[in-house]
Structures are given as C-alpha cells and as structure tokens.
Amino acid sequence: MTKIRKNGLKIIRSKVKLLLTVCEALKEAQSPIDKPIFTHL
C-alpha cells in the first residue's frame, strides 16, 4: 500500500510541476514576440 501511495504522490508532484511550467510559459507568452513560438509548441 505504501509503495502505491508514494508512486501516486510522485505522479501528482510531476503533474503539478508540469502545470506550473505551463502557467509560467503562458505568462511569458503574453509578450507578442513569444506568442508565435508558444503556439508552435
């Protein structure tokens, strides 16, 4: 049970990190120069 829980926490943490990086990218993409690059990703 503990192993599954630890793996679940790892997955949640990685998803949170991904969300944070996406949010940061969106914030940076507010400038018109970064927008075309961001849409390509």
Protein backbone atom coordinates (compact mmCIF):
# COMPACT_ATOMS: atom_id res chain seq x y z
CA MET A 1 0.00 0.00 0.00
CA THR A 2 2.76 2.47 0.90
CA LYS A 3 4.58 1.89 -2.41
CA ILE A 4 1.46 2.70 -4.41
CA ARG A 5 0.89 5.82 -2.32
CA LYS A 6 4.47 7.03 -2.87
CA ASN A 7 4.15 6.48 -6.62
CA GLY A 8 0.85 8.35 -6.63
CA LEU A 9 2.45 11.30 -4.85
CA LYS A 10 5.30 11.29 -7.38
CA ILE A 11 2.81 11.40 -10.25
CA ILE A 12 0.83 14.22 -8.60
CA ARG A 13 4.01 16.19 -7.96
CA SER A 14 5.17 15.83 -11.56
CA LYS A 15 1.73 16.91 -12.80
CA VAL A 16 1.82 19.97 -10.52
CA LYS A 17 5.30 20.82 -11.80
CA LEU A 18 4.03 20.48 -15.37
CA LEU A 19 1.08 22.77 -14.63
CA LEU A 20 3.39 25.35 -13.06
CA THR A 21 5.74 25.32 -16.05
CA VAL A 22 2.77 25.68 -18.41
CA CYS A 23 1.47 28.63 -16.37
CA GLU A 24 4.91 30.26 -16.44
CA ALA A 25 5.11 29.73 -20.21
CA LEU A 26 1.67 31.29 -20.63
CA LYS A 27 2.72 34.29 -18.54
CA GLU A 28 5.83 34.74 -20.66
CA ALA A 29 3.78 34.27 -23.83
CA GLN A 30 1.85 37.44 -23.01
CA SER A 31 4.52 39.36 -24.90
CA PRO A 32 3.75 39.38 -28.66
CA ILE A 33 7.22 38.10 -29.62
CA ASP A 34 6.86 34.86 -27.64
CA LYS A 35 3.32 34.08 -28.79
CA PRO A 36 4.18 32.58 -32.23
CA ILE A 37 6.88 30.41 -30.65
CA PHE A 38 4.47 29.24 -27.96
CA THR A 39 1.79 28.22 -30.47
CA HIS A 40 4.33 26.03 -32.29
CA LEU A 41 4.85 24.06 -29.07
